[in-house]
Amino acid sequence: MKKPLLIFAAIFLIVVSANASGGRIAYFDIQTVFNKTMLGKKYQEIVRGYYESRKKILDMDADEIQKLQEEYNKQKLAKQNDPAQKEMEETLKRKISEYEKIRTEFSNEVSKKNEELSNEFNQHVLSVLKDIAKREKLSLILNRTISISKIEVQSVAYADKNLDITDKIVGEMDKKEEVVK
């Protein structure tokens, strides 16, 4: 609980000093920028495709495991206590273990891809922020929310809506994306 308070206090001090020096302040919402821009949507689609391709593989493996489980249960109900049943039990355990391993690997791959694209996206946002800051003579631009250990924390408790430059960022990023196409 101390971390968010310390961050809030630090941001407050920065804002106060920026105002005292006559600087202009603005804020934006990175999640809105990500959701609205063509680049953000493109990256979301890449991650979704990455996830879906891996999910298909996992679904096929899960179906195979389900069939093996049903067959094993039938043998168990028939009280067949022969080597074939033991072999099927071992096969089932091995398949489940392999499935869990692959699922973990895929999850890590998707997380890594998501992080990679997020970092790339953030670089694009930073570039646009710098352009807007220079053009509009902004001394400080805050992100409306920040993530601390995967928890979203409001970094701007209150701000006049006129200070929100989220839509400007979206517009400029989309212009840059159109040029790239």
N, C-alpha and C. Protein backbone atom coordinates (compact mmCIF):
# COMPACT_ATOMS: atom_id res chain seq x y z
N MET A 1 0.82 -1.19 0.00
CA MET A 1 0.00 0.00 0.00
C MET A 1 0.86 1.25 0.00
N LYS A 2 2.09 1.16 0.51
CA LYS A 2 2.96 2.32 0.56
C LYS A 2 3.40 2.76 -0.82
N LYS A 3 3.62 1.80 -1.73
CA LYS A 3 4.11 2.13 -3.07
C LYS A 3 3.19 3.09 -3.80
N PRO A 4 1.86 2.79 -3.91
CA PRO A 4 0.98 3.72 -4.61
C PRO A 4 0.98 5.12 -3.98
N LEU A 5 1.05 5.19 -2.66
CA LEU A 5 1.08 6.50 -2.00
C LEU A 5 2.36 7.25 -2.32
N LEU A 6 3.48 6.54 -2.32
CA LEU A 6 4.75 7.18 -2.67
C LEU A 6 4.75 7.66 -4.11
N ILE A 7 4.21 6.85 -4.99
CA ILE A 7 4.14 7.24 -6.40
C ILE A 7 3.24 8.45 -6.56
N PHE A 8 2.09 8.43 -5.89
CA PHE A 8 1.16 9.55 -5.97
C PHE A 8 1.83 10.82 -5.43
N ALA A 9 2.54 10.72 -4.31
CA ALA A 9 3.23 11.88 -3.74
C ALA A 9 4.30 12.41 -4.69
N ALA A 10 5.04 11.51 -5.31
CA ALA A 10 6.08 11.93 -6.25
C ALA A 10 5.47 12.64 -7.45
N ILE A 11 4.37 12.08 -7.98
CA ILE A 11 3.70 12.71 -9.12
C ILE A 11 3.17 14.08 -8.71
N PHE A 12 2.60 14.17 -7.52
CA PHE A 12 2.08 15.44 -7.03
C PHE A 12 3.18 16.49 -6.97
N LEU A 13 4.35 16.12 -6.44
CA LEU A 13 5.47 17.06 -6.36
C LEU A 13 5.94 17.49 -7.74
N ILE A 14 5.97 16.57 -8.69
CA ILE A 14 6.37 16.91 -10.05
C ILE A 14 5.38 17.89 -10.67
N VAL A 15 4.09 17.63 -10.48
CA VAL A 15 3.05 18.50 -11.02
C VAL A 15 3.15 19.89 -10.41
N VAL A 16 3.31 19.95 -9.11
CA VAL A 16 3.41 21.25 -8.43
C VAL A 16 4.63 22.02 -8.94
N SER A 17 5.77 21.35 -9.09
CA SER A 17 6.97 22.06 -9.56
C SER A 17 6.82 22.47 -11.02
N ALA A 18 6.15 21.65 -11.85
CA ALA A 18 5.94 22.01 -13.25
C ALA A 18 5.03 23.23 -13.34
N ASN A 19 3.99 23.26 -12.52
CA ASN A 19 3.09 24.42 -12.51
C ASN A 19 3.80 25.66 -12.01
N ALA A 20 4.62 25.50 -11.00
CA ALA A 20 5.34 26.65 -10.43
C ALA A 20 6.29 27.27 -11.45
N SER A 21 6.86 26.45 -12.32
CA SER A 21 7.79 26.98 -13.32
C SER A 21 7.07 27.47 -14.57
N GLY A 22 5.75 27.47 -14.54
CA GLY A 22 4.97 28.00 -15.65
C GLY A 22 4.75 27.01 -16.77
N GLY A 23 5.10 25.77 -16.55
CA GLY A 23 4.94 24.74 -17.57
C GLY A 23 3.51 24.29 -17.70
N ARG A 24 3.18 23.79 -18.86
CA ARG A 24 1.84 23.26 -19.09
C ARG A 24 1.85 21.75 -18.88
N ILE A 25 0.72 21.25 -18.42
CA ILE A 25 0.58 19.84 -18.08
C ILE A 25 -0.57 19.25 -18.88
N ALA A 26 -0.42 17.97 -19.23
CA ALA A 26 -1.50 17.24 -19.90
C ALA A 26 -1.45 15.80 -19.40
N TYR A 27 -2.48 15.05 -19.75
CA TYR A 27 -2.50 13.63 -19.41
C TYR A 27 -3.14 12.85 -20.55
N PHE A 28 -2.95 11.53 -20.53
CA PHE A 28 -3.57 10.66 -21.52
C PHE A 28 -3.82 9.31 -20.88
N ASP A 29 -4.58 8.48 -21.57
CA ASP A 29 -4.88 7.13 -21.09
C ASP A 29 -4.30 6.14 -22.09
N ILE A 30 -3.22 5.46 -21.71
CA ILE A 30 -2.52 4.55 -22.61
C ILE A 30 -3.41 3.41 -23.08
N GLN A 31 -4.30 2.91 -22.23
CA GLN A 31 -5.16 1.79 -22.62
C GLN A 31 -6.14 2.23 -23.71
N THR A 32 -6.66 3.45 -23.59
CA THR A 32 -7.56 3.97 -24.62
C THR A 32 -6.81 4.14 -25.93
N VAL A 33 -5.58 4.64 -25.85
CA VAL A 33 -4.76 4.80 -27.05
C VAL A 33 -4.55 3.43 -27.71
N PHE A 34 -4.23 2.44 -26.90
CA PHE A 34 -3.99 1.09 -27.42
C PHE A 34 -5.25 0.52 -28.08
N ASN A 35 -6.41 0.76 -27.47
CA ASN A 35 -7.66 0.21 -27.98
C ASN A 35 -8.18 0.93 -29.22
N LYS A 36 -7.86 2.21 -29.37
CA LYS A 36 -8.43 3.01 -30.46
C LYS A 36 -7.54 3.15 -31.69
N THR A 37 -6.23 3.06 -31.53
CA THR A 37 -5.36 3.31 -32.67
C THR A 37 -5.30 2.11 -33.61
N MET A 38 -5.01 2.40 -34.87
CA MET A 38 -4.84 1.32 -35.85
C MET A 38 -3.69 0.41 -35.44
N LEU A 39 -2.61 0.99 -34.95
CA LEU A 39 -1.45 0.20 -34.54
C LEU A 39 -1.80 -0.70 -33.35
N GLY A 40 -2.52 -0.15 -32.38
CA GLY A 40 -2.94 -0.94 -31.22
C GLY A 40 -3.83 -2.10 -31.64
N LYS A 41 -4.77 -1.83 -32.54
CA LYS A 41 -5.66 -2.88 -33.03
C LYS A 41 -4.88 -3.93 -33.81
N LYS A 42 -3.90 -3.47 -34.59
CA LYS A 42 -3.06 -4.39 -35.35
C LYS A 42 -2.31 -5.32 -34.39
N TYR A 43 -1.73 -4.74 -33.34
CA TYR A 43 -0.99 -5.54 -32.37
C TYR A 43 -1.91 -6.50 -31.62
N GLN A 44 -3.11 -6.03 -31.30
CA GLN A 44 -4.07 -6.91 -30.63
C GLN A 44 -4.41 -8.10 -31.53
N GLU A 45 -4.56 -7.85 -32.82
CA GLU A 45 -4.87 -8.91 -33.76
C GLU A 45 -3.71 -9.90 -33.89
N ILE A 46 -2.48 -9.39 -33.87
CA ILE A 46 -1.31 -10.26 -33.93
C ILE A 46 -1.28 -11.19 -32.72
N VAL A 47 -1.49 -10.62 -31.54
CA VAL A 47 -1.48 -11.44 -30.31
C VAL A 47 -2.63 -12.43 -30.33
N ARG A 48 -3.80 -11.98 -30.78
CA ARG A 48 -4.96 -12.88 -30.85
C ARG A 48 -4.68 -14.04 -31.81
N GLY A 49 -4.10 -13.75 -32.98
CA GLY A 49 -3.76 -14.79 -33.94
C GLY A 49 -2.72 -15.74 -33.38
N TYR A 50 -1.74 -15.19 -32.70
CA TYR A 50 -0.70 -15.98 -32.07
C TYR A 50 -1.31 -16.94 -31.05
N TYR A 51 -2.23 -16.40 -30.26
CA TYR A 51 -2.92 -17.20 -29.24
C TYR A 51 -3.79 -18.28 -29.89
N GLU A 52 -4.58 -17.88 -30.88
CA GLU A 52 -5.51 -18.82 -31.51
C GLU A 52 -4.79 -19.99 -32.18
N SER A 53 -3.66 -19.71 -32.83
CA SER A 53 -2.93 -20.81 -33.49
C SER A 53 -2.45 -21.83 -32.47
N ARG A 54 -2.02 -21.35 -31.34
CA ARG A 54 -1.56 -22.26 -30.29
C ARG A 54 -2.73 -22.96 -29.60
N LYS A 55 -3.83 -22.26 -29.47
CA LYS A 55 -5.00 -22.84 -28.84
C LYS A 55 -5.54 -24.01 -29.65
N LYS A 56 -5.45 -23.92 -30.97
CA LYS A 56 -5.92 -25.03 -31.82
C LYS A 56 -5.12 -26.29 -31.53
N ILE A 57 -3.82 -26.15 -31.39
CA ILE A 57 -2.96 -27.30 -31.08
C ILE A 57 -3.35 -27.88 -29.72
N LEU A 58 -3.53 -27.00 -28.74
CA LEU A 58 -3.90 -27.46 -27.40
C LEU A 58 -5.27 -28.13 -27.40
N ASP A 59 -6.20 -27.58 -28.17
CA ASP A 59 -7.54 -28.17 -28.24
C ASP A 59 -7.51 -29.58 -28.83
N MET A 60 -6.68 -29.77 -29.85
CA MET A 60 -6.56 -31.11 -30.43
C MET A 60 -5.97 -32.08 -29.40
N ASP A 61 -4.95 -31.64 -28.68
CA ASP A 61 -4.36 -32.49 -27.64
C ASP A 61 -5.37 -32.78 -26.53
N ALA A 62 -6.15 -31.77 -26.15
CA ALA A 62 -7.15 -31.96 -25.09
C ALA A 62 -8.21 -32.96 -25.53
N ASP A 63 -8.61 -32.90 -26.80
CA ASP A 63 -9.58 -33.87 -27.32
C ASP A 63 -9.02 -35.29 -27.26
N GLU A 64 -7.75 -35.43 -27.64
CA GLU A 64 -7.12 -36.75 -27.60
C GLU A 64 -7.07 -37.28 -26.16
N ILE A 65 -6.72 -36.42 -25.24
CA ILE A 65 -6.67 -36.81 -23.82
C ILE A 65 -8.06 -37.21 -23.33
N GLN A 66 -9.07 -36.44 -23.74
CA GLN A 66 -10.45 -36.74 -23.34
C GLN A 66 -10.87 -38.13 -23.82
N LYS A 67 -10.53 -38.45 -25.06
CA LYS A 67 -10.88 -39.77 -25.62
C LYS A 67 -10.15 -40.89 -24.87
N LEU A 68 -8.86 -40.65 -24.60
CA LEU A 68 -8.09 -41.65 -23.85
C LEU A 68 -8.69 -41.84 -22.45
N GLN A 69 -9.09 -40.74 -21.83
CA GLN A 69 -9.68 -40.80 -20.48
C GLN A 69 -10.97 -41.60 -20.50
N GLU A 70 -11.81 -41.37 -21.51
CA GLU A 70 -13.07 -42.10 -21.61
C GLU A 70 -12.83 -43.59 -21.82
N GLU A 71 -11.89 -43.90 -22.69
CA GLU A 71 -11.56 -45.30 -22.95
C GLU A 71 -11.00 -45.97 -21.69
N TYR A 72 -10.14 -45.25 -20.99
CA TYR A 72 -9.56 -45.77 -19.75
C TYR A 72 -10.66 -46.02 -18.71
N ASN A 73 -11.59 -45.08 -18.59
CA ASN A 73 -12.69 -45.23 -17.62
C ASN A 73 -13.57 -46.44 -17.95
N LYS A 74 -13.78 -46.69 -19.26
CA LYS A 74 -14.57 -47.85 -19.66
C LYS A 74 -13.86 -49.14 -19.24
N GLN A 75 -12.56 -49.18 -19.46
CA GLN A 75 -11.79 -50.36 -19.07
C GLN A 75 -11.83 -50.56 -17.56
N LYS A 76 -11.76 -49.45 -16.84
CA LYS A 76 -11.77 -49.52 -15.38
C LYS A 76 -13.12 -50.05 -14.88
N LEU A 77 -14.21 -49.57 -15.51
CA LEU A 77 -15.55 -50.04 -15.13
C LEU A 77 -15.71 -51.52 -15.42
N ALA A 78 -15.09 -51.98 -16.48
CA ALA A 78 -15.17 -53.40 -16.85
C ALA A 78 -14.26 -54.24 -15.96
N LYS A 79 -13.56 -53.54 -15.06
CA LYS A 79 -12.66 -54.17 -14.09
C LYS A 79 -11.59 -55.03 -14.78
N GLN A 80 -11.15 -54.53 -15.88
CA GLN A 80 -10.05 -55.22 -16.56
C GLN A 80 -8.76 -54.78 -15.91
N ASN A 81 -8.15 -55.64 -15.23
CA ASN A 81 -6.92 -55.32 -14.51
C ASN A 81 -5.74 -56.01 -15.20
N ASP A 82 -5.62 -55.70 -16.45
CA ASP A 82 -4.56 -56.34 -17.21
C ASP A 82 -3.46 -55.34 -17.58
N PRO A 83 -2.39 -55.82 -18.14
CA PRO A 83 -1.29 -54.94 -18.52
C PRO A 83 -1.70 -53.83 -19.50
N ALA A 84 -2.70 -54.09 -20.33
CA ALA A 84 -3.16 -53.07 -21.28
C ALA A 84 -3.73 -51.86 -20.55
N GLN A 85 -4.43 -52.12 -19.45
CA GLN A 85 -5.00 -51.02 -18.67
C GLN A 85 -3.89 -50.20 -18.03
N LYS A 86 -2.89 -50.89 -17.49
CA LYS A 86 -1.75 -50.18 -16.88
C LYS A 86 -1.02 -49.34 -17.93
N GLU A 87 -0.88 -49.92 -19.11
CA GLU A 87 -0.20 -49.20 -20.20
C GLU A 87 -1.00 -47.96 -20.60
N MET A 88 -2.33 -48.11 -20.67
CA MET A 88 -3.17 -46.98 -21.02
C MET A 88 -3.10 -45.89 -19.94
N GLU A 89 -3.05 -46.30 -18.69
CA GLU A 89 -2.94 -45.35 -17.59
C GLU A 89 -1.64 -44.55 -17.71
N GLU A 90 -0.55 -45.24 -18.01
CA GLU A 90 0.75 -44.57 -18.18
C GLU A 90 0.72 -43.63 -19.38
N THR A 91 0.11 -44.07 -20.47
CA THR A 91 -0.02 -43.23 -21.67
C THR A 91 -0.81 -41.97 -21.35
N LEU A 92 -1.90 -42.14 -20.61
CA LEU A 92 -2.74 -41.02 -20.23
C LEU A 92 -1.97 -40.03 -19.36
N LYS A 93 -1.24 -40.52 -18.39
CA LYS A 93 -0.44 -39.65 -17.52
C LYS A 93 0.60 -38.89 -18.33
N ARG A 94 1.26 -39.60 -19.26
CA ARG A 94 2.29 -38.98 -20.08
C ARG A 94 1.69 -37.88 -20.97
N LYS A 95 0.54 -38.18 -21.57
CA LYS A 95 -0.14 -37.20 -22.44
C LYS A 95 -0.54 -35.96 -21.65
N ILE A 96 -1.07 -36.16 -20.46
CA ILE A 96 -1.48 -35.03 -19.62
C ILE A 96 -0.26 -34.20 -19.24
N SER A 97 0.82 -34.86 -18.90
CA SER A 97 2.06 -34.16 -18.55
C SER A 97 2.59 -33.35 -19.74
N GLU A 98 2.60 -33.97 -20.93
CA GLU A 98 3.04 -33.28 -22.14
C GLU A 98 2.13 -32.09 -22.44
N TYR A 99 0.84 -32.30 -22.27
CA TYR A 99 -0.14 -31.23 -22.51
C TYR A 99 0.14 -30.04 -21.59
N GLU A 100 0.33 -30.29 -20.32
CA GLU A 100 0.60 -29.22 -19.36
C GLU A 100 1.89 -28.48 -19.71
N LYS A 101 2.89 -29.22 -20.12
CA LYS A 101 4.17 -28.61 -20.50
C LYS A 101 3.99 -27.71 -21.72
N ILE A 102 3.30 -28.21 -22.73
CA ILE A 102 3.07 -27.42 -23.95
C ILE A 102 2.21 -26.20 -23.63
N ARG A 103 1.19 -26.39 -22.80
CA ARG A 103 0.32 -25.26 -22.43
C ARG A 103 1.13 -24.16 -21.74
N THR A 104 2.03 -24.54 -20.86
CA THR A 104 2.88 -23.57 -20.17
C THR A 104 3.80 -22.87 -21.16
N GLU A 105 4.39 -23.65 -22.07
CA GLU A 105 5.28 -23.06 -23.08
C GLU A 105 4.52 -22.07 -23.96
N PHE A 106 3.33 -22.46 -24.40
CA PHE A 106 2.52 -21.58 -25.24
C PHE A 106 2.13 -20.31 -24.49
N SER A 107 1.76 -20.47 -23.24
CA SER A 107 1.40 -19.31 -22.43
C SER A 107 2.58 -18.35 -22.31
N ASN A 108 3.77 -18.90 -22.09
CA ASN A 108 4.96 -18.07 -22.01
C ASN A 108 5.27 -17.39 -23.35
N GLU A 109 5.08 -18.12 -24.45
CA GLU A 109 5.31 -17.54 -25.77
C GLU A 109 4.35 -16.38 -26.03
N VAL A 110 3.09 -16.58 -25.71
CA VAL A 110 2.09 -15.53 -25.93
C VAL A 110 2.41 -14.32 -25.05
N SER A 111 2.78 -14.55 -23.80
CA SER A 111 3.14 -13.45 -22.90
C SER A 111 4.36 -12.70 -23.43
N LYS A 112 5.33 -13.44 -23.91
CA LYS A 112 6.54 -12.81 -24.45
C LYS A 112 6.21 -11.97 -25.68
N LYS A 113 5.40 -12.52 -26.57
CA LYS A 113 4.99 -11.78 -27.78
C LYS A 113 4.21 -10.54 -27.39
N ASN A 114 3.31 -10.67 -26.43
CA ASN A 114 2.52 -9.53 -25.96
C ASN A 114 3.42 -8.45 -25.38
N GLU A 115 4.39 -8.85 -24.58
CA GLU A 115 5.32 -7.89 -23.99
C GLU A 115 6.16 -7.21 -25.06
N GLU A 116 6.62 -7.98 -26.02
CA GLU A 116 7.42 -7.44 -27.12
C GLU A 116 6.63 -6.38 -27.89
N LEU A 117 5.38 -6.71 -28.24
CA LEU A 117 4.55 -5.76 -28.98
C LEU A 117 4.17 -4.56 -28.12
N SER A 118 3.96 -4.77 -26.83
CA SER A 118 3.65 -3.66 -25.93
C SER A 118 4.81 -2.69 -25.85
N ASN A 119 6.02 -3.22 -25.75
CA ASN A 119 7.20 -2.35 -25.70
C ASN A 119 7.34 -1.57 -27.00
N GLU A 120 7.13 -2.24 -28.11
CA GLU A 120 7.20 -1.56 -29.42
C GLU A 120 6.13 -0.47 -29.51
N PHE A 121 4.91 -0.80 -29.07
CA PHE A 121 3.81 0.16 -29.08
C PHE A 121 4.15 1.37 -28.21
N ASN A 122 4.70 1.11 -27.02
CA ASN A 122 5.05 2.19 -26.11
C ASN A 122 6.09 3.13 -26.73
N GLN A 123 7.00 2.59 -27.52
CA GLN A 123 8.00 3.43 -28.20
C GLN A 123 7.32 4.36 -29.21
N HIS A 124 6.32 3.84 -29.91
CA HIS A 124 5.57 4.67 -30.85
C HIS A 124 4.82 5.78 -30.09
N VAL A 125 4.20 5.41 -28.99
CA VAL A 125 3.47 6.40 -28.18
C VAL A 125 4.43 7.48 -27.68
N LEU A 126 5.58 7.07 -27.19
CA LEU A 126 6.56 8.02 -26.67
C LEU A 126 7.00 9.00 -27.75
N SER A 127 7.19 8.51 -28.95
CA SER A 127 7.58 9.38 -30.06
C SER A 127 6.50 10.44 -30.33
N VAL A 128 5.26 10.00 -30.35
CA VAL A 128 4.14 10.92 -30.58
C VAL A 128 4.01 11.90 -29.41
N LEU A 129 4.19 11.41 -28.18
CA LEU A 129 4.11 12.28 -27.01
C LEU A 129 5.15 13.40 -27.09
N LYS A 130 6.36 13.05 -27.50
CA LYS A 130 7.42 14.06 -27.62
C LYS A 130 7.05 15.11 -28.66
N ASP A 131 6.51 14.68 -29.78
CA ASP A 131 6.08 15.63 -30.83
C ASP A 131 5.00 16.58 -30.31
N ILE A 132 4.00 16.01 -29.64
CA ILE A 132 2.90 16.83 -29.11
C ILE A 132 3.43 17.78 -28.03
N ALA A 133 4.30 17.27 -27.17
CA ALA A 133 4.85 18.11 -26.09
C ALA A 133 5.60 19.31 -26.67
N LYS A 134 6.41 19.09 -27.69
CA LYS A 134 7.15 20.19 -28.32
C LYS A 134 6.20 21.18 -28.97
N ARG A 135 5.28 20.66 -29.77
CA ARG A 135 4.36 21.52 -30.51
C ARG A 135 3.45 22.33 -29.59
N GLU A 136 2.98 21.71 -28.51
CA GLU A 136 2.04 22.41 -27.62
C GLU A 136 2.71 22.98 -26.38
N LYS A 137 4.04 22.92 -26.35
CA LYS A 137 4.83 23.46 -25.25
C LYS A 137 4.37 22.90 -23.89
N LEU A 138 4.30 21.57 -23.85
CA LEU A 138 3.91 20.89 -22.62
C LEU A 138 5.17 20.52 -21.84
N SER A 139 5.16 20.81 -20.56
CA SER A 139 6.31 20.47 -19.71
C SER A 139 6.17 19.07 -19.11
N LEU A 140 4.94 18.60 -18.98
CA LEU A 140 4.70 17.34 -18.30
C LEU A 140 3.46 16.67 -18.88
N ILE A 141 3.60 15.39 -19.22
CA ILE A 141 2.46 14.60 -19.68
C ILE A 141 2.39 13.36 -18.79
N LEU A 142 1.25 13.17 -18.16
CA LEU A 142 1.04 12.04 -17.26
C LEU A 142 0.17 10.98 -17.93
N ASN A 143 0.43 9.75 -17.58
CA ASN A 143 -0.45 8.66 -17.98
C ASN A 143 -1.52 8.57 -16.90
N ARG A 144 -2.78 8.47 -17.30
CA ARG A 144 -3.89 8.47 -16.34
C ARG A 144 -3.77 7.32 -15.34
N THR A 145 -3.33 6.17 -15.80
CA THR A 145 -3.15 5.03 -14.90
C THR A 145 -1.77 4.44 -15.12
N ILE A 146 -1.24 3.87 -14.08
CA ILE A 146 0.03 3.17 -14.17
C ILE A 146 -0.15 1.77 -13.63
N SER A 147 0.69 0.85 -14.08
CA SER A 147 0.61 -0.53 -13.62
C SER A 147 1.72 -0.79 -12.62
N ILE A 148 1.31 -1.33 -11.50
CA ILE A 148 2.27 -1.74 -10.47
C ILE A 148 1.98 -3.21 -10.19
N SER A 149 2.91 -4.06 -10.56
CA SER A 149 2.73 -5.50 -10.35
C SER A 149 1.39 -5.97 -10.89
N LYS A 150 1.08 -5.59 -12.12
CA LYS A 150 -0.14 -5.98 -12.83
C LYS A 150 -1.41 -5.44 -12.19
N ILE A 151 -1.28 -4.40 -11.36
CA ILE A 151 -2.44 -3.74 -10.76
C ILE A 151 -2.48 -2.33 -11.31
N GLU A 152 -3.64 -1.92 -11.83
CA GLU A 152 -3.80 -0.57 -12.35
C GLU A 152 -4.05 0.40 -11.20
N VAL A 153 -3.26 1.48 -11.17
CA VAL A 153 -3.39 2.49 -10.12
C VAL A 153 -3.61 3.84 -10.80
N GLN A 154 -4.61 4.56 -10.33
CA GLN A 154 -4.86 5.90 -10.85
C GLN A 154 -3.68 6.80 -10.51
N SER A 155 -3.05 7.39 -11.50
CA SER A 155 -1.96 8.31 -11.22
C SER A 155 -2.45 9.75 -11.31
N VAL A 156 -3.62 9.93 -11.88
CA VAL A 156 -4.24 11.25 -11.94
C VAL A 156 -5.55 11.15 -11.19
N ALA A 157 -5.59 11.73 -10.00
CA ALA A 157 -6.80 11.66 -9.18
C ALA A 157 -7.90 12.54 -9.77
N TYR A 158 -7.51 13.72 -10.22
CA TYR A 158 -8.46 14.62 -10.88
C TYR A 158 -7.71 15.48 -11.87
N ALA A 159 -8.32 15.69 -13.00
CA ALA A 159 -7.78 16.61 -14.00
C ALA A 159 -8.92 17.12 -14.86
N ASP A 160 -8.81 18.36 -15.24
CA ASP A 160 -9.77 18.97 -16.14
C ASP A 160 -9.74 18.21 -17.47
N LYS A 161 -10.88 17.92 -18.02
CA LYS A 161 -10.98 17.18 -19.28
C LYS A 161 -10.22 17.89 -20.41
N ASN A 162 -10.06 19.20 -20.30
CA ASN A 162 -9.33 19.95 -21.33
C ASN A 162 -7.85 19.59 -21.37
N LEU A 163 -7.35 18.97 -20.32
CA LEU A 163 -5.94 18.57 -20.28
C LEU A 163 -5.71 17.19 -20.89
N ASP A 164 -6.78 16.50 -21.23
CA ASP A 164 -6.68 15.14 -21.78
C ASP A 164 -6.30 15.22 -23.26
N ILE A 165 -5.15 14.64 -23.59
CA ILE A 165 -4.66 14.65 -24.98
C ILE A 165 -4.74 13.26 -25.62
N THR A 166 -5.51 12.37 -25.02
CA THR A 166 -5.63 11.00 -25.53
C THR A 166 -6.05 10.99 -27.00
N ASP A 167 -7.08 11.75 -27.34
CA ASP A 167 -7.58 11.74 -28.72
C ASP A 167 -6.55 12.32 -29.70
N LYS A 168 -5.77 13.29 -29.26
CA LYS A 168 -4.71 13.83 -30.11
C LYS A 168 -3.66 12.76 -30.40
N ILE A 169 -3.32 12.01 -29.39
CA ILE A 169 -2.33 10.94 -29.56
C ILE A 169 -2.87 9.89 -30.54
N VAL A 170 -4.13 9.51 -30.36
CA VAL A 170 -4.75 8.53 -31.26
C VAL A 170 -4.70 9.05 -32.69
N GLY A 171 -5.08 10.30 -32.89
CA GLY A 171 -5.09 10.89 -34.23
C GLY A 171 -3.71 10.91 -34.86
N GLU A 172 -2.72 11.32 -34.11
CA GLU A 172 -1.36 11.39 -34.65
C GLU A 172 -0.78 10.01 -34.93
N MET A 173 -1.06 9.06 -34.05
CA MET A 173 -0.56 7.71 -34.30
C MET A 173 -1.21 7.11 -35.54
N ASP A 174 -2.50 7.36 -35.71
CA ASP A 174 -3.18 6.84 -36.90
C ASP A 174 -2.65 7.50 -38.17
N LYS A 175 -2.31 8.80 -38.11
CA LYS A 175 -1.71 9.47 -39.27
C LYS A 175 -0.39 8.83 -39.62
N LYS A 176 0.43 8.56 -38.63
CA LYS A 176 1.72 7.91 -38.87
C LYS A 176 1.54 6.51 -39.44
N GLU A 177 0.53 5.79 -38.96
CA GLU A 177 0.28 4.43 -39.44
C GLU A 177 -0.20 4.47 -40.89
N GLU A 178 -0.98 5.48 -41.26
CA GLU A 178 -1.44 5.63 -42.65
C GLU A 178 -0.26 5.88 -43.57
N VAL A 179 0.71 6.65 -43.11
CA VAL A 179 1.91 6.94 -43.91
C VAL A 179 2.70 5.66 -44.14
N VAL A 180 2.77 4.81 -43.11
CA VAL A 180 3.52 3.56 -43.20
C VAL A 180 2.87 2.62 -44.22
N LYS A 181 1.54 2.61 -44.26
CA LYS A 181 0.81 1.73 -45.19
C LYS A 181 1.04 2.21 -46.58
